[in-house]
């Protein structure tokens, strides 16, 4: 990807044990990238790039202003298969 914001977002989602919404990602990224100008718009743009590349999954879950939830497929692999 080649940019710090995108790389940090990807690491955050991959290392998370549960799906994250855009607001949670925004708060965590802003805390890490204090020197770089990080806006919600930049974060949402990077999230959609990652989704377009197939690296993460995302789903819009509320109407109005809306909430997006983001995850990687590996979070759900192996779940529900136990007997």
Protein backbone atom coordinates (compact mmCIF):
# COMPACT_ATOMS: atom_id res chain seq x y z
CA UNK A 1 0.00 0.00 0.00
CA UNK A 2 2.87 2.37 0.73
CA UNK A 3 1.42 4.80 3.25
CA UNK A 4 1.64 4.86 7.04
CA UNK A 5 -2.07 5.40 7.68
CA UNK A 6 -3.10 2.46 5.50
CA UNK A 7 -0.46 0.19 6.98
CA UNK A 8 -1.46 1.05 10.55
CA UNK A 9 -5.15 0.51 9.78
CA UNK A 10 -4.42 -2.88 8.25
CA UNK A 11 -2.27 -3.96 11.23
CA UNK A 12 -4.94 -2.79 13.65
CA UNK A 13 -7.71 -4.79 11.95
CA UNK A 14 -5.60 -7.92 11.46
CA UNK A 15 -4.51 -7.92 15.11
CA UNK A 16 -8.00 -7.26 16.46
CA UNK A 17 -9.95 -10.15 17.94
CA UNK A 18 -13.30 -8.66 16.92
CA UNK A 19 -14.67 -6.43 14.15
CA UNK A 20 -14.08 -2.69 14.62
CA UNK A 21 -16.25 0.21 13.56
CA UNK A 22 -14.83 3.26 11.82
CA UNK A 23 -14.95 5.38 14.99
CA UNK A 24 -12.90 2.83 16.97
CA UNK A 25 -10.33 2.67 14.18
CA UNK A 26 -10.21 6.46 13.97
CA UNK A 27 -9.53 6.83 17.72
CA UNK A 28 -6.77 4.21 17.75
CA UNK A 29 -5.05 5.51 14.61
CA UNK A 30 -5.15 9.14 15.77
CA UNK A 31 -3.44 8.11 19.02
CA UNK A 32 -0.64 6.35 17.11
CA UNK A 33 -0.06 8.88 14.34
CA UNK A 34 0.32 12.10 16.32
CA UNK A 35 2.69 13.80 13.88
CA UNK A 36 0.77 12.97 10.72
CA UNK A 37 -2.50 14.73 9.88
CA UNK A 38 -5.13 12.00 10.19
CA UNK A 39 -8.76 12.76 9.45
CA UNK A 40 -11.86 10.57 9.42
CA UNK A 41 -12.03 11.09 5.64
CA UNK A 42 -8.47 9.80 5.13
CA UNK A 43 -9.16 6.79 7.34
CA UNK A 44 -12.41 5.95 5.56
CA UNK A 45 -10.67 6.31 2.18
CA UNK A 46 -7.89 3.90 3.25
CA UNK A 47 -10.45 1.45 4.65
CA UNK A 48 -12.28 1.40 1.32
CA UNK A 49 -9.00 0.93 -0.56
CA UNK A 50 -8.17 -2.06 1.64
CA UNK A 51 -11.68 -3.44 1.10
CA UNK A 52 -11.36 -2.95 -2.66
CA UNK A 53 -8.05 -4.83 -2.65
CA UNK A 54 -9.76 -7.71 -0.80
CA UNK A 55 -7.50 -7.40 2.25
CA UNK A 56 -10.36 -6.61 4.66
CA UNK A 57 -14.14 -6.93 4.74
CA UNK A 58 -16.56 -4.13 5.53
CA UNK A 59 -20.30 -3.78 6.02
CA UNK A 60 -22.59 -0.78 6.37
CA UNK A 61 -24.92 -1.51 9.29
CA UNK A 62 -26.97 1.60 10.07
CA UNK A 63 -28.96 4.09 8.06
CA UNK A 64 -28.70 7.86 8.40
CA UNK A 65 -25.11 8.87 9.02
CA UNK A 66 -24.36 5.19 9.24
CA UNK A 67 -21.78 2.93 10.79
CA UNK A 68 -19.32 0.73 8.94
CA UNK A 69 -17.85 -2.36 10.60
CA UNK A 70 -14.48 -3.73 9.41
CA UNK A 71 -12.81 -7.13 9.84
CA UNK A 72 -10.58 -9.74 8.19
CA UNK A 73 -12.00 -13.11 7.20
CA UNK A 74 -9.65 -15.04 9.52
CA UNK A 75 -11.62 -13.75 12.53
CA UNK A 76 -14.46 -16.12 11.68
CA UNK A 77 -12.59 -19.12 10.34
CA UNK A 78 -13.02 -22.22 12.45
CA UNK A 79 -15.90 -20.76 14.46
CA UNK A 80 -19.14 -22.66 14.61
CA UNK A 81 -17.53 -25.87 13.42
CA UNK A 82 -17.11 -27.34 16.89
CA UNK A 83 -19.37 -30.26 17.81
